[in-house]
Amino acid sequence: MLPNTLFIGQQLYFLPVCPSTNSEAHQLLIKNEATEGCTVVTAHQTAGRGQRGNTWEAEAGQNITLSVVLMPKFLAIKHQFYLNMAVSLGVLDLLRELGLQKAQVKWPNDLYFEDKKLGGILIENAINSLTLQHSIIGIGLNVNQLQFCYTTATSLANVLGYTLNLEQVTKRLLELLEKRYLELRNGKTAKLKYEYLQVLYRYQETHTFEVQDQLVQGQILGVDDDGRLAVEIEAELRYFGFKEITFVI
């Protein structure tokens, strides 16, 4: 299953079942057994974590659930959101290759297709002095699952009308992820940010958001270097952290 990469996925662990691939990757780091690019893949994740403390649920053997260990020591702490951008673009590159030209990233890093969630990304960073020491990149992507508890979720199979080979899709994902990570490592942050904004869900459109339990009309105008969402509300540009604003869909 090894992808055509320099390092991502070259050290690969496959677990038929595990609570969380991010947790398994963390244990490998603790034991000093993970090189950069170490990838943990499971067919059945029983306690996956998502943004805002949510759980990530996926039907066994039908979807992609994996974690990748990276060592972005070149990246200053204040620029850590660029890693989110690079990873999000890597997953979107895969979706575009598969024909989902309308796929987008919903800030900070959910994958959407026509107002429905295709997947999510959870990045856990460890900080060393002024830079990142290591990062664990958790990716969950709905591939062949056809039914969901929530009407706001969908899968590649639902959108495309056919099932996909999970191994081939996973290999390609790791290849595209490395390509974007190498762009980040080579300092192409302006390019990454520009491309991220072009695929940002509801970018430069007026929509309803929830802020401090109040419904407001706003327009997303960008993301700052700290990863905060810039939204114009009543002619005022405001910046929001991960838990300070909610999309109303």
Protein backbone atom coordinates (compact mmCIF):
# COMPACT_ATOMS: atom_id res chain seq x y z
CA MET A 1 0.00 0.00 0.00
CA LEU A 2 3.04 2.30 0.22
CA PRO A 3 2.44 5.57 -1.66
CA ASN A 4 4.84 7.18 -4.12
CA THR A 5 6.20 9.66 -1.58
CA LEU A 6 9.49 10.70 0.01
CA PHE A 7 8.36 10.14 3.59
CA ILE A 8 4.62 10.40 4.23
CA GLY A 9 3.26 6.88 4.49
CA GLN A 10 6.65 5.16 4.12
CA GLN A 11 6.41 4.11 7.77
CA LEU A 12 2.87 2.77 7.88
CA TYR A 13 0.88 1.01 10.59
CA PHE A 14 -2.47 -0.57 9.78
CA LEU A 15 -4.75 -1.38 12.70
CA PRO A 16 -8.01 -3.28 12.01
CA VAL A 17 -9.60 -1.40 14.93
CA CYS A 18 -8.43 1.27 17.36
CA PRO A 19 -10.00 4.01 19.51
CA SER A 20 -8.21 6.90 17.78
CA THR A 21 -5.46 7.02 15.16
CA ASN A 22 -4.28 10.35 16.61
CA SER A 23 -3.85 8.68 20.00
CA GLU A 24 -2.00 5.75 18.45
CA ALA A 25 0.34 8.15 16.60
CA HIS A 26 0.95 10.02 19.85
CA GLN A 27 1.95 6.79 21.58
CA LEU A 28 4.44 6.06 18.80
CA LEU A 29 5.95 9.51 19.34
CA ILE A 30 6.20 8.95 23.10
CA LYS A 31 8.05 5.69 22.47
CA ASN A 32 10.30 7.45 19.92
CA GLU A 33 9.16 5.02 17.24
CA ALA A 34 7.68 7.51 14.76
CA THR A 35 9.72 9.10 11.99
CA GLU A 36 8.39 12.06 10.03
CA GLY A 37 5.61 10.88 7.76
CA CYS A 38 4.68 7.96 10.01
CA THR A 39 1.08 7.09 9.18
CA VAL A 40 -1.46 5.18 11.23
CA VAL A 41 -4.48 3.82 9.33
CA THR A 42 -7.46 1.96 10.78
CA ALA A 43 -10.52 0.30 9.29
CA HIS A 44 -12.58 1.03 12.39
CA GLN A 45 -12.03 3.97 14.69
CA THR A 46 -14.17 3.64 17.81
CA ALA A 47 -13.49 6.94 19.57
CA GLY A 48 -12.32 9.42 16.97
CA ARG A 49 -12.14 13.05 17.97
CA GLY A 50 -13.22 16.10 16.02
CA GLN A 51 -13.09 19.86 16.35
CA ARG A 52 -14.71 21.48 19.41
CA GLY A 53 -14.51 18.19 21.31
CA ASN A 54 -16.98 16.45 18.99
CA THR A 55 -16.71 12.75 18.24
CA TRP A 56 -16.06 11.45 14.74
CA GLU A 57 -18.18 8.48 13.76
CA ALA A 58 -17.56 6.31 10.73
CA GLU A 59 -18.86 2.94 9.59
CA ALA A 60 -16.22 0.22 9.87
CA GLY A 61 -14.33 -0.57 6.67
CA GLN A 62 -16.07 2.06 4.55
CA ASN A 63 -14.10 5.24 5.06
CA ILE A 64 -10.62 6.70 5.46
CA THR A 65 -9.49 7.26 9.03
CA LEU A 66 -5.79 7.96 9.45
CA SER A 67 -3.19 10.09 11.19
CA VAL A 68 0.15 11.37 9.91
CA VAL A 69 3.08 12.50 12.07
CA LEU A 70 4.90 15.60 10.80
CA MET A 71 7.83 17.58 12.20
CA PRO A 72 7.25 21.17 11.03
CA LYS A 73 10.04 22.67 13.15
CA PHE A 74 10.56 25.26 10.41
CA LEU A 75 7.14 26.75 11.20
CA ALA A 76 6.81 29.51 13.79
CA ILE A 77 4.05 29.08 16.34
CA LYS A 78 2.33 32.24 15.08
CA HIS A 79 2.17 30.69 11.60
CA GLN A 80 0.85 27.27 12.60
CA PHE A 81 -2.46 27.77 10.78
CA TYR A 82 -0.56 27.53 7.51
CA LEU A 83 -0.23 23.82 8.30
CA ASN A 84 -4.03 23.62 8.45
CA MET A 85 -4.18 25.33 5.06
CA ALA A 86 -1.67 22.95 3.48
CA VAL A 87 -3.39 19.83 4.83
CA SER A 88 -6.86 21.07 3.85
CA LEU A 89 -5.64 21.80 0.32
CA GLY A 90 -4.05 18.35 0.09
CA VAL A 91 -7.38 16.69 0.84
CA LEU A 92 -9.22 19.05 -1.52
CA ASP A 93 -6.72 18.19 -4.27
CA LEU A 94 -7.84 14.58 -3.89
CA LEU A 95 -11.52 15.51 -4.04
CA ARG A 96 -10.96 17.59 -7.16
CA GLU A 97 -9.10 14.73 -8.84
CA LEU A 98 -12.10 12.51 -8.14
CA GLY A 99 -14.38 14.99 -9.87
CA LEU A 100 -15.77 16.98 -6.94
CA GLN A 101 -14.94 20.39 -8.35
CA LYS A 102 -17.35 22.07 -5.93
CA ALA A 103 -15.72 20.61 -2.83
CA GLN A 104 -14.68 23.26 -0.30
CA VAL A 105 -13.09 23.63 3.11
CA LYS A 106 -15.31 24.99 5.88
CA TRP A 107 -13.22 26.95 8.33
CA PRO A 108 -11.24 25.88 10.12
CA ASN A 109 -10.89 22.48 8.42
CA ASP A 110 -14.03 20.53 7.57
CA LEU A 111 -14.47 19.26 4.02
CA TYR A 112 -17.80 20.14 2.43
CA PHE A 113 -19.66 19.45 -0.78
CA GLU A 114 -22.84 21.47 -1.46
CA ASP A 115 -23.57 22.19 2.22
CA LYS A 116 -22.86 18.61 3.33
CA LYS A 117 -19.87 17.35 5.28
CA LEU A 118 -17.53 14.93 3.52
CA GLY A 119 -14.82 14.81 6.13
CA GLY A 120 -12.81 16.54 8.77
CA ILE A 121 -9.27 17.28 9.86
CA LEU A 122 -7.95 17.43 13.41
CA ILE A 123 -4.41 18.76 13.88
CA GLU A 124 -2.75 18.43 17.28
CA ASN A 125 0.47 20.43 17.65
CA ALA A 126 3.26 20.15 20.23
CA ILE A 127 5.20 23.38 20.76
CA ASN A 128 8.95 23.62 21.35
CA SER A 129 10.22 27.10 22.22
CA LEU A 130 9.19 29.34 19.30
CA THR A 131 8.35 26.66 16.73
CA LEU A 132 6.32 23.50 16.34
CA GLN A 133 7.99 20.35 17.62
CA HIS A 134 5.66 17.88 15.98
CA SER A 135 2.13 17.70 14.60
CA ILE A 136 -0.32 14.85 14.40
CA ILE A 137 -2.63 15.24 11.41
CA GLY A 138 -5.88 13.32 11.81
CA ILE A 139 -8.02 12.95 8.68
CA GLY A 140 -11.46 11.39 8.42
CA LEU A 141 -13.02 11.15 4.97
CA ASN A 142 -16.40 9.61 4.15
CA VAL A 143 -15.77 7.36 1.16
CA ASN A 144 -18.11 4.38 0.71
CA GLN A 145 -20.55 4.82 3.61
CA LEU A 146 -24.03 5.46 2.22
CA GLN A 147 -26.17 6.20 5.28
CA PHE A 148 -25.53 8.67 8.08
CA CYS A 149 -27.23 9.65 11.31
CA TYR A 150 -27.13 13.29 10.22
CA THR A 151 -28.67 14.66 7.03
CA THR A 152 -25.79 17.15 6.84
CA ALA A 153 -23.26 14.36 6.11
CA THR A 154 -22.48 12.68 2.80
CA SER A 155 -19.76 10.56 1.18
CA LEU A 156 -17.82 10.23 -2.05
CA ALA A 157 -19.92 7.22 -3.01
CA ASN A 158 -23.14 9.17 -2.48
CA VAL A 159 -21.90 12.05 -4.61
CA LEU A 160 -20.23 10.01 -7.37
CA GLY A 161 -22.75 7.17 -7.50
CA TYR A 162 -20.21 4.36 -7.16
CA THR A 163 -17.88 2.88 -4.53
CA LEU A 164 -14.15 3.47 -4.55
CA ASN A 165 -11.07 1.40 -3.77
CA LEU A 166 -10.10 2.56 -0.28
CA GLU A 167 -6.46 1.53 -0.62
CA GLN A 168 -5.96 3.44 -3.86
CA VAL A 169 -7.73 6.54 -2.52
CA THR A 170 -5.65 6.44 0.67
CA LYS A 171 -2.38 6.16 -1.27
CA ARG A 172 -3.29 9.11 -3.46
CA LEU A 173 -4.33 11.17 -0.44
CA LEU A 174 -0.92 10.66 1.17
CA GLU A 175 0.84 11.64 -2.06
CA LEU A 176 -1.14 14.86 -2.43
CA LEU A 177 -0.76 15.65 1.26
CA GLU A 178 3.03 15.42 0.96
CA LYS A 179 3.02 17.66 -2.11
CA ARG A 180 1.23 20.42 -0.18
CA TYR A 181 3.41 19.92 2.91
CA LEU A 182 6.53 20.33 0.79
CA GLU A 183 5.11 23.60 -0.55
CA LEU A 184 4.76 24.76 3.05
CA ARG A 185 8.28 23.61 3.94
CA ASN A 186 9.60 25.51 0.90
CA GLY A 187 8.04 28.74 2.17
CA LYS A 188 5.17 29.04 -0.30
CA THR A 189 2.82 30.42 2.35
CA ALA A 190 1.37 33.18 0.15
CA LYS A 191 0.44 30.61 -2.51
CA LEU A 192 -1.16 28.31 0.06
CA LYS A 193 -3.17 31.11 1.64
CA TYR A 194 -4.41 32.38 -1.72
CA GLU A 195 -5.53 28.90 -2.81
CA TYR A 196 -7.11 28.22 0.59
CA LEU A 197 -9.25 31.35 0.31
CA GLN A 198 -10.39 30.38 -3.18
CA VAL A 199 -11.88 27.14 -1.83
CA LEU A 200 -13.09 28.53 1.51
CA TYR A 201 -16.74 27.71 2.16
CA ARG A 202 -18.99 30.79 1.93
CA TYR A 203 -16.05 33.09 1.20
CA GLN A 204 -17.18 36.62 0.29
CA GLU A 205 -20.84 35.62 0.52
CA THR A 206 -23.44 36.97 2.94
CA HIS A 207 -24.74 34.28 5.28
CA THR A 208 -26.15 33.77 8.76
CA PHE A 209 -23.82 33.00 11.67
CA GLU A 210 -24.32 32.54 15.38
CA VAL A 211 -22.19 34.73 17.64
CA GLN A 212 -22.69 34.74 21.43
CA ASP A 213 -26.10 33.07 21.03
CA GLN A 214 -27.21 35.74 18.57
CA LEU A 215 -27.96 35.26 14.86
CA VAL A 216 -26.11 37.75 12.68
CA GLN A 217 -25.61 38.39 8.99
CA GLY A 218 -21.99 38.44 7.93
CA GLN A 219 -19.55 38.00 5.08
CA ILE A 220 -16.29 36.04 5.39
CA LEU A 221 -13.43 38.18 4.08
CA GLY A 222 -10.43 36.09 5.01
CA VAL A 223 -8.33 34.36 7.65
CA ASP A 224 -5.52 36.06 9.58
CA ASP A 225 -2.08 34.58 10.38
CA ASP A 226 -3.38 33.27 13.71
CA GLY A 227 -6.09 31.31 11.91
CA ARG A 228 -8.92 33.54 13.06
CA LEU A 229 -11.88 33.95 10.70
CA ALA A 230 -12.36 37.52 9.47
CA VAL A 231 -16.07 38.31 9.11
CA GLU A 232 -17.65 41.64 8.23
CA ILE A 233 -20.75 42.16 10.39
CA GLU A 234 -22.72 45.41 10.15
CA ALA A 235 -19.84 47.14 8.32
CA GLU A 236 -17.37 46.12 11.05
CA LEU A 237 -14.57 43.62 10.41
CA ARG A 238 -14.38 41.18 13.32
CA TYR A 239 -12.06 38.25 14.01
CA PHE A 240 -13.19 34.97 15.55
CA GLY A 241 -11.37 32.00 17.08
CA PHE A 242 -12.40 28.36 16.65
CA LYS A 243 -15.25 28.37 19.19
CA GLU A 244 -16.42 31.94 18.86
CA ILE A 245 -18.59 31.72 15.75
CA THR A 246 -20.90 29.03 14.33
CA PHE A 247 -22.09 28.57 10.76
CA VAL A 248 -25.87 28.36 10.36
CA ILE A 249 -26.49 25.84 7.58
